[in-house]
Amino acid sequence: MDKEREKLRRQLRRLAFCRPNDGIRVALGEGGDLRRMRLEGVSEFKRGAGGAVEIRFFDRVKAMELLLALEREEQGSQDGVGEFLRSLAEEEL
């Protein structure tokens, strides 16, 4: 597997399994060090003139679907679900 494909896999895993906690903290104005927060799941953040906050997250299900498609492509079969799930269970996310 080439380096670009592995980078893609890692990023898709981050999106698929990210937690929204830090994004919600930012939206609520709880502060904290932005450099240390895990915000990779946030796709859009808006603060309106009236103080309203809108935060959007990447579609985690879509990221999982793309991971599965990548796994199937690499295995050259349509039955890579079991192996895919085993590989997810073995890795710490």
N, C-alpha and C. Protein backbone atom coordinates (compact mmCIF):
# COMPACT_ATOMS: atom_id res chain seq x y z
N MET A 1 0.85 -1.17 0.00
CA MET A 1 0.00 0.00 0.00
C MET A 1 0.90 1.24 0.00
N ASP A 2 0.60 2.17 -0.86
CA ASP A 2 1.46 3.35 -0.96
C ASP A 2 1.15 4.35 0.16
N LYS A 3 2.04 5.31 0.29
CA LYS A 3 1.94 6.28 1.39
C LYS A 3 0.68 7.14 1.30
N GLU A 4 0.30 7.54 0.09
CA GLU A 4 -0.89 8.38 -0.06
C GLU A 4 -2.15 7.64 0.35
N ARG A 5 -2.23 6.38 -0.02
CA ARG A 5 -3.39 5.56 0.35
C ARG A 5 -3.46 5.39 1.86
N GLU A 6 -2.32 5.20 2.49
CA GLU A 6 -2.31 5.06 3.95
C GLU A 6 -2.69 6.37 4.63
N LYS A 7 -2.24 7.49 4.10
CA LYS A 7 -2.65 8.79 4.65
C LYS A 7 -4.16 8.96 4.54
N LEU A 8 -4.72 8.59 3.40
CA LEU A 8 -6.16 8.66 3.21
C LEU A 8 -6.88 7.79 4.22
N ARG A 9 -6.40 6.58 4.41
CA ARG A 9 -7.02 5.66 5.36
C ARG A 9 -6.99 6.24 6.78
N ARG A 10 -5.85 6.80 7.18
CA ARG A 10 -5.74 7.38 8.53
C ARG A 10 -6.71 8.55 8.71
N GLN A 11 -6.80 9.41 7.70
CA GLN A 11 -7.69 10.56 7.82
C GLN A 11 -9.16 10.12 7.85
N LEU A 12 -9.51 9.16 7.04
CA LEU A 12 -10.89 8.65 7.07
C LEU A 12 -11.21 8.03 8.42
N ARG A 13 -10.26 7.32 9.02
CA ARG A 13 -10.48 6.76 10.35
C ARG A 13 -10.68 7.86 11.39
N ARG A 14 -9.90 8.92 11.28
CA ARG A 14 -10.06 10.04 12.22
C ARG A 14 -11.46 10.63 12.10
N LEU A 15 -11.91 10.82 10.87
CA LEU A 15 -13.24 11.39 10.65
C LEU A 15 -14.34 10.44 11.10
N ALA A 16 -14.17 9.16 10.81
CA ALA A 16 -15.20 8.18 11.13
C ALA A 16 -15.37 7.98 12.63
N PHE A 17 -14.29 8.12 13.38
CA PHE A 17 -14.35 7.80 14.80
C PHE A 17 -14.03 8.97 15.72
N CYS A 18 -14.07 10.17 15.18
CA CYS A 18 -13.80 11.34 16.03
C CYS A 18 -14.95 11.57 16.99
N ARG A 19 -14.64 12.26 18.06
CA ARG A 19 -15.65 12.61 19.05
C ARG A 19 -15.95 14.10 18.91
N PRO A 20 -17.19 14.49 19.08
CA PRO A 20 -17.55 15.89 18.91
C PRO A 20 -17.26 16.77 20.13
N ASN A 21 -16.75 16.21 21.20
CA ASN A 21 -16.62 16.91 22.48
C ASN A 21 -15.94 18.28 22.37
N ASP A 22 -14.76 18.34 21.77
CA ASP A 22 -14.03 19.60 21.71
C ASP A 22 -14.73 20.61 20.81
N GLY A 23 -15.36 20.16 19.74
CA GLY A 23 -16.12 21.07 18.88
C GLY A 23 -17.27 21.69 19.63
N ILE A 24 -17.91 20.91 20.46
CA ILE A 24 -19.03 21.42 21.26
C ILE A 24 -18.53 22.40 22.31
N ARG A 25 -17.38 22.11 22.91
CA ARG A 25 -16.79 23.05 23.88
C ARG A 25 -16.53 24.41 23.26
N VAL A 26 -15.98 24.40 22.04
CA VAL A 26 -15.71 25.66 21.35
C VAL A 26 -17.02 26.40 21.08
N ALA A 27 -18.03 25.68 20.61
CA ALA A 27 -19.33 26.29 20.31
C ALA A 27 -19.97 26.90 21.55
N LEU A 28 -19.78 26.26 22.69
CA LEU A 28 -20.36 26.76 23.94
C LEU A 28 -19.52 27.85 24.58
N GLY A 29 -18.36 28.12 24.01
CA GLY A 29 -17.50 29.17 24.54
C GLY A 29 -16.79 28.78 25.82
N GLU A 30 -16.56 27.51 26.01
CA GLU A 30 -15.90 27.04 27.23
C GLU A 30 -14.40 27.28 27.23
N GLY A 31 -13.88 27.76 26.13
CA GLY A 31 -12.46 28.09 26.08
C GLY A 31 -11.57 26.88 25.99
N GLY A 32 -10.34 27.07 26.33
CA GLY A 32 -9.36 26.00 26.22
C GLY A 32 -8.35 26.33 25.14
N ASP A 33 -7.32 25.55 25.09
CA ASP A 33 -6.25 25.73 24.12
C ASP A 33 -6.64 25.05 22.80
N LEU A 34 -6.93 25.85 21.79
CA LEU A 34 -7.37 25.31 20.50
C LEU A 34 -6.32 24.39 19.87
N ARG A 35 -5.06 24.65 20.15
CA ARG A 35 -3.99 23.83 19.57
C ARG A 35 -4.03 22.40 20.10
N ARG A 36 -4.62 22.21 21.26
CA ARG A 36 -4.66 20.88 21.87
C ARG A 36 -5.99 20.18 21.66
N MET A 37 -6.95 20.87 21.08
CA MET A 37 -8.28 20.29 20.88
C MET A 37 -8.32 19.41 19.64
N ARG A 38 -9.18 18.42 19.67
CA ARG A 38 -9.38 17.51 18.53
C ARG A 38 -10.58 18.02 17.75
N LEU A 39 -10.32 18.79 16.71
CA LEU A 39 -11.37 19.42 15.92
C LEU A 39 -11.45 18.89 14.49
N GLU A 40 -10.80 17.75 14.21
CA GLU A 40 -10.80 17.25 12.84
C GLU A 40 -12.19 16.88 12.33
N GLY A 41 -13.13 16.64 13.21
CA GLY A 41 -14.48 16.29 12.80
C GLY A 41 -15.34 17.49 12.44
N VAL A 42 -14.88 18.70 12.75
CA VAL A 42 -15.66 19.91 12.47
C VAL A 42 -15.44 20.31 11.01
N SER A 43 -16.55 20.43 10.28
CA SER A 43 -16.43 20.85 8.88
C SER A 43 -16.74 22.34 8.71
N GLU A 44 -17.54 22.89 9.62
CA GLU A 44 -17.91 24.30 9.49
C GLU A 44 -18.28 24.86 10.85
N PHE A 45 -17.90 26.09 11.07
CA PHE A 45 -18.21 26.77 12.32
C PHE A 45 -18.60 28.20 11.99
N LYS A 46 -19.78 28.61 12.45
CA LYS A 46 -20.25 29.98 12.20
C LYS A 46 -20.77 30.58 13.50
N ARG A 47 -20.47 31.85 13.67
CA ARG A 47 -21.03 32.60 14.79
C ARG A 47 -21.77 33.78 14.19
N GLY A 48 -23.07 33.82 14.43
CA GLY A 48 -23.91 34.87 13.87
C GLY A 48 -23.80 36.17 14.65
N ALA A 49 -24.35 37.23 14.06
CA ALA A 49 -24.30 38.55 14.68
C ALA A 49 -25.02 38.58 16.01
N GLY A 50 -26.09 37.81 16.13
CA GLY A 50 -26.86 37.78 17.37
C GLY A 50 -26.29 36.85 18.42
N GLY A 51 -25.13 36.26 18.14
CA GLY A 51 -24.50 35.37 19.10
C GLY A 51 -24.83 33.90 18.86
N ALA A 52 -25.69 33.62 17.88
CA ALA A 52 -26.03 32.23 17.59
C ALA A 52 -24.80 31.51 17.02
N VAL A 53 -24.65 30.27 17.38
CA VAL A 53 -23.51 29.47 16.94
C VAL A 53 -24.03 28.28 16.14
N GLU A 54 -23.40 28.06 15.00
CA GLU A 54 -23.73 26.89 14.19
C GLU A 54 -22.45 26.11 13.95
N ILE A 55 -22.51 24.84 14.25
CA ILE A 55 -21.34 23.98 14.05
C ILE A 55 -21.80 22.75 13.27
N ARG A 56 -21.04 22.40 12.27
CA ARG A 56 -21.35 21.22 11.45
C ARG A 56 -20.17 20.27 11.52
N PHE A 57 -20.52 19.00 11.56
CA PHE A 57 -19.50 17.95 11.61
C PHE A 57 -19.51 17.16 10.30
N PHE A 58 -18.37 16.56 9.98
CA PHE A 58 -18.30 15.69 8.83
C PHE A 58 -19.21 14.49 9.05
N ASP A 59 -19.69 13.91 7.99
CA ASP A 59 -20.57 12.74 8.03
C ASP A 59 -19.73 11.51 8.37
N ARG A 60 -19.88 11.02 9.58
CA ARG A 60 -19.09 9.88 10.04
C ARG A 60 -19.48 8.59 9.33
N VAL A 61 -20.74 8.43 9.02
CA VAL A 61 -21.19 7.23 8.32
C VAL A 61 -20.57 7.19 6.92
N LYS A 62 -20.54 8.33 6.26
CA LYS A 62 -19.94 8.40 4.92
C LYS A 62 -18.45 8.04 4.99
N ALA A 63 -17.77 8.52 6.01
CA ALA A 63 -16.35 8.19 6.17
C ALA A 63 -16.17 6.68 6.36
N MET A 64 -17.06 6.05 7.12
CA MET A 64 -16.99 4.60 7.30
C MET A 64 -17.26 3.87 5.99
N GLU A 65 -18.21 4.37 5.21
CA GLU A 65 -18.49 3.76 3.91
C GLU A 65 -17.28 3.86 2.99
N LEU A 66 -16.61 5.00 3.00
CA LEU A 66 -15.42 5.16 2.17
C LEU A 66 -14.29 4.26 2.63
N LEU A 67 -14.15 4.09 3.93
CA LEU A 67 -13.14 3.16 4.45
C LEU A 67 -13.43 1.74 3.98
N LEU A 68 -14.67 1.34 4.04
CA LEU A 68 -15.05 0.01 3.61
C LEU A 68 -14.80 -0.17 2.11
N ALA A 69 -15.13 0.83 1.32
CA ALA A 69 -14.88 0.76 -0.12
C ALA A 69 -13.39 0.66 -0.42
N LEU A 70 -12.58 1.39 0.32
CA LEU A 70 -11.13 1.32 0.16
C LEU A 70 -10.62 -0.08 0.49
N GLU A 71 -11.12 -0.64 1.56
CA GLU A 71 -10.73 -1.99 1.96
C GLU A 71 -11.13 -3.01 0.89
N ARG A 72 -12.31 -2.90 0.38
CA ARG A 72 -12.78 -3.82 -0.66
C ARG A 72 -11.91 -3.70 -1.92
N GLU A 73 -11.59 -2.49 -2.28
CA GLU A 73 -10.76 -2.26 -3.46
C GLU A 73 -9.39 -2.91 -3.30
N GLU A 74 -8.82 -2.77 -2.12
CA GLU A 74 -7.51 -3.33 -1.86
C GLU A 74 -7.53 -4.85 -1.85
N GLN A 75 -8.63 -5.42 -1.39
CA GLN A 75 -8.73 -6.88 -1.35
C GLN A 75 -9.18 -7.46 -2.68
N GLY A 76 -9.70 -6.62 -3.56
CA GLY A 76 -10.14 -7.09 -4.86
C GLY A 76 -11.38 -7.94 -4.80
N SER A 77 -12.16 -7.76 -3.74
CA SER A 77 -13.38 -8.55 -3.61
C SER A 77 -14.48 -7.70 -3.01
N GLN A 78 -15.67 -8.24 -3.06
CA GLN A 78 -16.82 -7.55 -2.46
C GLN A 78 -17.11 -8.09 -1.06
N ASP A 79 -16.29 -9.00 -0.57
CA ASP A 79 -16.55 -9.61 0.73
C ASP A 79 -15.45 -9.27 1.73
N GLY A 80 -15.07 -8.02 1.79
CA GLY A 80 -14.01 -7.60 2.69
C GLY A 80 -14.53 -7.06 4.01
N VAL A 81 -15.82 -7.20 4.28
CA VAL A 81 -16.41 -6.61 5.48
C VAL A 81 -15.81 -7.21 6.75
N GLY A 82 -15.71 -8.53 6.80
CA GLY A 82 -15.18 -9.18 8.00
C GLY A 82 -13.75 -8.76 8.29
N GLU A 83 -12.92 -8.79 7.27
CA GLU A 83 -11.52 -8.38 7.44
C GLU A 83 -11.42 -6.91 7.83
N PHE A 84 -12.25 -6.09 7.21
CA PHE A 84 -12.28 -4.66 7.52
C PHE A 84 -12.62 -4.44 8.99
N LEU A 85 -13.65 -5.12 9.48
CA LEU A 85 -14.06 -4.94 10.88
C LEU A 85 -13.00 -5.46 11.83
N ARG A 86 -12.35 -6.56 11.47
CA ARG A 86 -11.26 -7.07 12.31
C ARG A 86 -10.10 -6.08 12.37
N SER A 87 -9.78 -5.46 11.25
CA SER A 87 -8.68 -4.50 11.25
C SER A 87 -9.02 -3.28 12.09
N LEU A 88 -10.30 -2.87 12.07
CA LEU A 88 -10.71 -1.74 12.92
C LEU A 88 -10.60 -2.10 14.39
N ALA A 89 -11.00 -3.30 14.73
CA ALA A 89 -10.97 -3.73 16.13
C ALA A 89 -9.54 -3.83 16.65
N GLU A 90 -8.59 -4.15 15.78
CA GLU A 90 -7.20 -4.32 16.20
C GLU A 90 -6.49 -2.99 16.41
N GLU A 91 -6.94 -1.95 15.73
CA GLU A 91 -6.26 -0.65 15.82
C GLU A 91 -6.87 0.20 16.92
N GLU A 92 -6.03 0.96 17.57
CA GLU A 92 -6.53 1.90 18.56
C GLU A 92 -6.75 3.23 17.86
N LEU A 93 -7.95 3.76 17.97
CA LEU A 93 -8.28 5.00 17.26
C LEU A 93 -8.22 6.19 18.16
